[in-house]
Amino acid sequence: MKTFVLWICAAVLAVGLVGCGKKESETKLDPELEKQLASIKTAAEEGAEFIAAQMKADPQLKKTKSGLVYKILEPGEGELFKPDQTVKVIYTGKHTNGEEFDSSHGEAVDFPLQNVVAGFREMITMMRPGAKAYCILPSEIAYGSQGNQAISPNETLVFELETTELVK
């Protein structure tokens, strides 16, 4: 993905340099390059298409006002977690292509909910100890336009979560 983005940047830069000093009407893209650039979808567009396809395929998926798409697989017991708590969570994070980018490797890890992305926090606060859930975070409530080392800017993410307990 990063190589692809770099290729696009190089193509745009090359087009800009070719057109330097020319009037806008004199600058023309190679028709094949124009066709390729027009067919490229942004990460946000791909994410929106992924969410639409998932919601169509699984009518049990729900969507919140923020855009979080989720399904509670097991309800768990007890009180819902609160946004200012630290929760033990077993998780797997994947790109929309199914490739795993992060995991707790089956071990519960502590998550101070104040320090996680908004979509992750929102999902956990809809869960109880022992709950399991599947959720999709559009980029606006994930890592946004910044991304991180393993996540491209504006990328939609998929998580499988299990909350085990409140950290006291």
C-alpha atoms as a PDB file:
ATOM      1  CA  MET A   1       0.000   0.000   0.000  1.00  0.00           C
ATOM      2  CA  LYS A   2       2.797   2.437   0.931  1.00  0.00           C
ATOM      3  CA  THR A   3       4.606   1.645  -2.331  1.00  0.00           C
ATOM      4  CA  PHE A   4       1.390   2.320  -4.186  1.00  0.00           C
ATOM      5  CA  VAL A   5       0.948   5.687  -2.443  1.00  0.00           C
ATOM      6  CA  LEU A   6       4.558   6.610  -3.225  1.00  0.00           C
ATOM      7  CA  TRP A   7       3.954   5.709  -6.891  1.00  0.00           C
ATOM      8  CA  ILE A   8       0.939   8.013  -6.976  1.00  0.00           C
ATOM      9  CA  CYS A   9       2.928  10.847  -5.379  1.00  0.00           C
ATOM     10  CA  ALA A  10       5.715  10.360  -7.912  1.00  0.00           C
ATOM     11  CA  ALA A  11       3.225  10.387 -10.788  1.00  0.00           C
ATOM     12  CA  VAL A  12       1.592  13.571  -9.543  1.00  0.00           C
ATOM     13  CA  LEU A  13       4.986  15.213  -9.052  1.00  0.00           C
ATOM     14  CA  ALA A  14       6.106  14.156 -12.529  1.00  0.00           C
ATOM     15  CA  VAL A  15       2.941  15.543 -14.052  1.00  0.00           C
ATOM     16  CA  GLY A  16       3.495  18.809 -12.179  1.00  0.00           C
ATOM     17  CA  LEU A  17       7.098  19.083 -13.330  1.00  0.00           C
ATOM     18  CA  VAL A  18       6.234  18.321 -16.951  1.00  0.00           C
ATOM     19  CA  GLY A  19       3.717  21.137 -16.889  1.00  0.00           C
ATOM     20  CA  CYS A  20       6.019  23.729 -15.257  1.00  0.00           C
ATOM     21  CA  GLY A  21       5.998  26.969 -17.164  1.00  0.00           C
ATOM     22  CA  LYS A  22       3.100  25.936 -19.375  1.00  0.00           C
ATOM     23  CA  LYS A  23      -0.395  27.304 -19.312  1.00  0.00           C
ATOM     24  CA  GLU A  24      -2.972  24.988 -17.811  1.00  0.00           C
ATOM     25  CA  SER A  25      -4.567  24.467 -21.219  1.00  0.00           C
ATOM     26  CA  GLU A  26      -1.196  23.306 -22.634  1.00  0.00           C
ATOM     27  CA  THR A  27      -0.624  20.671 -19.929  1.00  0.00           C
ATOM     28  CA  LYS A  28      -2.099  17.262 -20.767  1.00  0.00           C
ATOM     29  CA  LEU A  29      -1.756  13.987 -18.920  1.00  0.00           C
ATOM     30  CA  ASP A  30      -0.973  10.820 -20.774  1.00  0.00           C
ATOM     31  CA  PRO A  31      -4.456   9.328 -21.412  1.00  0.00           C
ATOM     32  CA  GLU A  32      -3.405   5.989 -19.893  1.00  0.00           C
ATOM     33  CA  LEU A  33      -2.130   7.720 -16.738  1.00  0.00           C
ATOM     34  CA  GLU A  34      -5.362   9.734 -16.541  1.00  0.00           C
ATOM     35  CA  LYS A  35      -7.349   6.504 -16.735  1.00  0.00           C
ATOM     36  CA  GLN A  36      -5.228   4.877 -13.992  1.00  0.00           C
ATOM     37  CA  LEU A  37      -5.490   7.894 -11.674  1.00  0.00           C
ATOM     38  CA  ALA A  38      -9.269   8.055 -12.175  1.00  0.00           C
ATOM     39  CA  SER A  39      -9.636   4.393 -11.214  1.00  0.00           C
ATOM     40  CA  ILE A  40      -7.703   4.729  -7.955  1.00  0.00           C
ATOM     41  CA  LYS A  41      -9.902   4.718  -4.892  1.00  0.00           C
ATOM     42  CA  THR A  42      -8.924   6.474  -1.739  1.00  0.00           C
ATOM     43  CA  ALA A  43      -8.589   4.487   1.461  1.00  0.00           C
ATOM     44  CA  ALA A  44     -11.695   6.232   2.785  1.00  0.00           C
ATOM     45  CA  GLU A  45     -13.707   5.207  -0.303  1.00  0.00           C
ATOM     46  CA  GLU A  46     -12.473   1.620   0.002  1.00  0.00           C
ATOM     47  CA  GLY A  47     -13.420   1.635   3.682  1.00  0.00           C
ATOM     48  CA  ALA A  48     -16.914   2.925   2.967  1.00  0.00           C
ATOM     49  CA  GLU A  49     -17.395   0.236   0.310  1.00  0.00           C
ATOM     50  CA  PHE A  50     -16.126  -2.436   2.707  1.00  0.00           C
ATOM     51  CA  ILE A  51     -18.556  -1.302   5.421  1.00  0.00           C
ATOM     52  CA  ALA A  52     -21.487  -1.222   2.986  1.00  0.00           C
ATOM     53  CA  ALA A  53     -20.670  -4.743   1.751  1.00  0.00           C
ATOM     54  CA  GLN A  54     -20.305  -6.092   5.292  1.00  0.00           C
ATOM     55  CA  MET A  55     -23.599  -4.551   6.425  1.00  0.00           C
ATOM     56  CA  LYS A  56     -25.371  -5.962   3.374  1.00  0.00           C
ATOM     57  CA  ALA A  57     -23.882  -9.417   3.978  1.00  0.00           C
ATOM     58  CA  ASP A  58     -24.688  -9.476   7.714  1.00  0.00           C
ATOM     59  CA  PRO A  59     -27.997  -7.908   8.765  1.00  0.00           C
ATOM     60  CA  GLN A  60     -27.038  -8.348  12.442  1.00  0.00           C
ATOM     61  CA  LEU A  61     -24.400  -5.622  12.134  1.00  0.00           C
ATOM     62  CA  LYS A  62     -25.400  -2.298  13.672  1.00  0.00           C
ATOM     63  CA  LYS A  63     -24.019   1.177  13.044  1.00  0.00           C
ATOM     64  CA  THR A  64     -23.682   3.983  15.591  1.00  0.00           C
ATOM     65  CA  LYS A  65     -23.863   7.736  14.918  1.00  0.00           C
ATOM     66  CA  SER A  66     -20.050   7.890  14.901  1.00  0.00           C
ATOM     67  CA  GLY A  67     -19.882   5.291  12.113  1.00  0.00           C
ATOM     68  CA  LEU A  68     -18.775   2.357  14.293  1.00  0.00           C
ATOM     69  CA  VAL A  69     -20.146  -0.892  12.851  1.00  0.00           C
ATOM     70  CA  TYR A  70     -20.449  -3.729  15.336  1.00  0.00           C
ATOM     71  CA  LYS A  71     -21.998  -6.982  16.429  1.00  0.00           C
ATOM     72  CA  ILE A  72     -21.969  -8.302  19.987  1.00  0.00           C
ATOM     73  CA  LEU A  73     -21.159 -12.009  19.661  1.00  0.00           C
ATOM     74  CA  GLU A  74     -21.447 -12.828  23.372  1.00  0.00           C
ATOM     75  CA  PRO A  75     -23.049 -10.377  25.809  1.00  0.00           C
ATOM     76  CA  GLY A  76     -20.950 -11.030  28.904  1.00  0.00           C
ATOM     77  CA  GLU A  77     -22.220 -10.238  32.411  1.00  0.00           C
ATOM     78  CA  GLY A  78     -22.140  -7.341  34.801  1.00  0.00           C
ATOM     79  CA  GLU A  79     -21.939  -3.606  34.242  1.00  0.00           C
ATOM     80  CA  LEU A  80     -20.909  -1.898  31.035  1.00  0.00           C
ATOM     81  CA  PHE A  81     -17.388  -0.508  31.036  1.00  0.00           C
ATOM     82  CA  LYS A  82     -16.951   3.261  31.353  1.00  0.00           C
ATOM     83  CA  PRO A  83     -14.677   5.495  29.217  1.00  0.00           C
ATOM     84  CA  ASP A  84     -12.387   6.368  32.137  1.00  0.00           C
ATOM     85  CA  GLN A  85     -11.668   2.754  33.141  1.00  0.00           C
ATOM     86  CA  THR A  86      -8.880   0.325  32.291  1.00  0.00           C
ATOM     87  CA  VAL A  87     -10.109  -2.946  30.817  1.00  0.00           C
ATOM     88  CA  LYS A  88      -8.386  -6.257  30.100  1.00  0.00           C
ATOM     89  CA  VAL A  89      -8.972  -7.096  26.440  1.00  0.00           C
ATOM     90  CA  ILE A  90      -8.033  -9.952  24.134  1.00  0.00           C
ATOM     91  CA  TYR A  91      -8.018  -8.567  20.603  1.00  0.00           C
ATOM     92  CA  THR A  92      -7.060  -9.008  16.987  1.00  0.00           C
ATOM     93  CA  GLY A  93      -6.867  -6.052  14.607  1.00  0.00           C
ATOM     94  CA  LYS A  94      -7.041  -6.560  10.847  1.00  0.00           C
ATOM     95  CA  HIS A  95      -6.965  -4.544   7.674  1.00  0.00           C
ATOM     96  CA  THR A  96     -10.079  -4.831   5.499  1.00  0.00           C
ATOM     97  CA  ASN A  97      -8.207  -7.339   3.312  1.00  0.00           C
ATOM     98  CA  GLY A  98      -8.061  -9.689   6.323  1.00  0.00           C
ATOM     99  CA  GLU A  99      -4.357  -9.201   7.006  1.00  0.00           C
ATOM    100  CA  GLU A 100      -3.635  -8.968  10.739  1.00  0.00           C
ATOM    101  CA  PHE A 101      -1.765  -5.849  11.857  1.00  0.00           C
ATOM    102  CA  ASP A 102      -1.908  -6.320  15.643  1.00  0.00           C
ATOM    103  CA  SER A 103      -2.984  -8.863  18.220  1.00  0.00           C
ATOM    104  CA  SER A 104      -2.771  -9.618  21.912  1.00  0.00           C
ATOM    105  CA  HIS A 105      -1.937 -13.227  20.892  1.00  0.00           C
ATOM    106  CA  GLY A 106      -4.751 -14.672  22.996  1.00  0.00           C
ATOM    107  CA  GLU A 107      -3.578 -12.916  26.157  1.00  0.00           C
ATOM    108  CA  ALA A 108      -5.622 -10.252  27.946  1.00  0.00           C
ATOM    109  CA  VAL A 109      -3.832  -6.907  27.952  1.00  0.00           C
ATOM    110  CA  ASP A 110      -4.659  -3.738  29.883  1.00  0.00           C
ATOM    111  CA  PHE A 111      -6.277  -0.937  27.900  1.00  0.00           C
ATOM    112  CA  PRO A 112      -6.762   2.409  29.621  1.00  0.00           C
ATOM    113  CA  LEU A 113      -9.783   3.488  27.568  1.00  0.00           C
ATOM    114  CA  GLN A 114      -8.752   7.159  27.737  1.00  0.00           C
ATOM    115  CA  ASN A 115      -5.636   6.261  25.692  1.00  0.00           C
ATOM    116  CA  VAL A 116      -7.171   4.321  22.799  1.00  0.00           C
ATOM    117  CA  VAL A 117      -8.727   5.489  19.527  1.00  0.00           C
ATOM    118  CA  ALA A 118     -12.316   6.715  19.777  1.00  0.00           C
ATOM    119  CA  GLY A 119     -13.886   3.754  17.954  1.00  0.00           C
ATOM    120  CA  PHE A 120     -12.132   1.201  20.161  1.00  0.00           C
ATOM    121  CA  ARG A 121     -13.246   3.086  23.301  1.00  0.00           C
ATOM    122  CA  GLU A 122     -16.817   3.343  21.992  1.00  0.00           C
ATOM    123  CA  MET A 123     -16.954  -0.400  21.327  1.00  0.00           C
ATOM    124  CA  ILE A 124     -15.518  -1.382  24.715  1.00  0.00           C
ATOM    125  CA  THR A 125     -18.013   0.866  26.536  1.00  0.00           C
ATOM    126  CA  MET A 126     -20.836  -1.125  24.911  1.00  0.00           C
ATOM    127  CA  MET A 127     -19.413  -4.338  26.390  1.00  0.00           C
ATOM    128  CA  ARG A 128     -19.446  -6.104  29.755  1.00  0.00           C
ATOM    129  CA  PRO A 129     -16.880  -8.464  31.309  1.00  0.00           C
ATOM    130  CA  GLY A 130     -16.798 -11.687  29.276  1.00  0.00           C
ATOM    131  CA  ALA A 131     -18.333 -10.093  26.175  1.00  0.00           C
ATOM    132  CA  LYS A 132     -17.091 -10.758  22.665  1.00  0.00           C
ATOM    133  CA  ALA A 133     -17.617  -8.449  19.713  1.00  0.00           C
ATOM    134  CA  TYR A 134     -16.744  -7.869  16.080  1.00  0.00           C
ATOM    135  CA  CYS A 135     -16.393  -4.264  14.972  1.00  0.00           C
ATOM    136  CA  ILE A 136     -15.353  -2.105  12.054  1.00  0.00           C
ATOM    137  CA  LEU A 137     -13.828   1.309  12.703  1.00  0.00           C
ATOM    138  CA  PRO A 138     -13.943   3.803   9.859  1.00  0.00           C
ATOM    139  CA  SER A 139     -10.812   5.931   9.802  1.00  0.00           C
ATOM    140  CA  GLU A 140     -12.517   8.939  11.409  1.00  0.00           C
ATOM    141  CA  ILE A 141     -12.784   7.005  14.690  1.00  0.00           C
ATOM    142  CA  ALA A 142      -9.581   4.985  14.194  1.00  0.00           C
ATOM    143  CA  TYR A 143      -6.226   6.549  13.253  1.00  0.00           C
ATOM    144  CA  GLY A 144      -7.606   9.111  10.787  1.00  0.00           C
ATOM    145  CA  SER A 145      -5.419  10.845   8.255  1.00  0.00           C
ATOM    146  CA  GLN A 146      -2.298  10.220  10.351  1.00  0.00           C
ATOM    147  CA  GLY A 147      -2.305   6.429  10.361  1.00  0.00           C
ATOM    148  CA  ASN A 148       0.582   4.824  12.249  1.00  0.00           C
ATOM    149  CA  GLN A 149       3.433   2.387  11.576  1.00  0.00           C
ATOM    150  CA  ALA A 150       1.111  -0.478  10.617  1.00  0.00           C
ATOM    151  CA  ILE A 151      -1.940   1.468   9.438  1.00  0.00           C
ATOM    152  CA  SER A 152      -2.204   3.635   6.338  1.00  0.00           C
ATOM    153  CA  PRO A 153      -3.785   7.083   6.532  1.00  0.00           C
ATOM    154  CA  ASN A 154      -7.613   7.034   6.346  1.00  0.00           C
ATOM    155  CA  GLU A 155      -7.741   3.258   6.708  1.00  0.00           C
ATOM    156  CA  THR A 156     -10.807   1.390   7.973  1.00  0.00           C
ATOM    157  CA  LEU A 157      -9.971  -1.276  10.575  1.00  0.00           C
ATOM    158  CA  VAL A 158     -11.589  -4.514  11.735  1.00  0.00           C
ATOM    159  CA  PHE A 159     -11.357  -5.819  15.306  1.00  0.00           C
ATOM    160  CA  GLU A 160     -12.364  -8.949  17.148  1.00  0.00           C
ATOM    161  CA  LEU A 161     -12.553  -8.178  20.863  1.00  0.00           C
ATOM    162  CA  GLU A 162     -13.110 -10.036  24.096  1.00  0.00           C
ATOM    163  CA  THR A 163     -13.285  -8.134  27.353  1.00  0.00           C
ATOM    164  CA  THR A 164     -12.208 -10.191  30.334  1.00  0.00           C
ATOM    165  CA  GLU A 165     -12.383  -7.869  33.334  1.00  0.00           C
ATOM    166  CA  LEU A 166     -12.067  -4.399  34.763  1.00  0.00           C
ATOM    167  CA  VAL A 167      -8.587  -3.514  35.998  1.00  0.00           C
ATOM    168  CA  LYS A 168      -8.918  -2.157  39.534  1.00  0.00           C
END
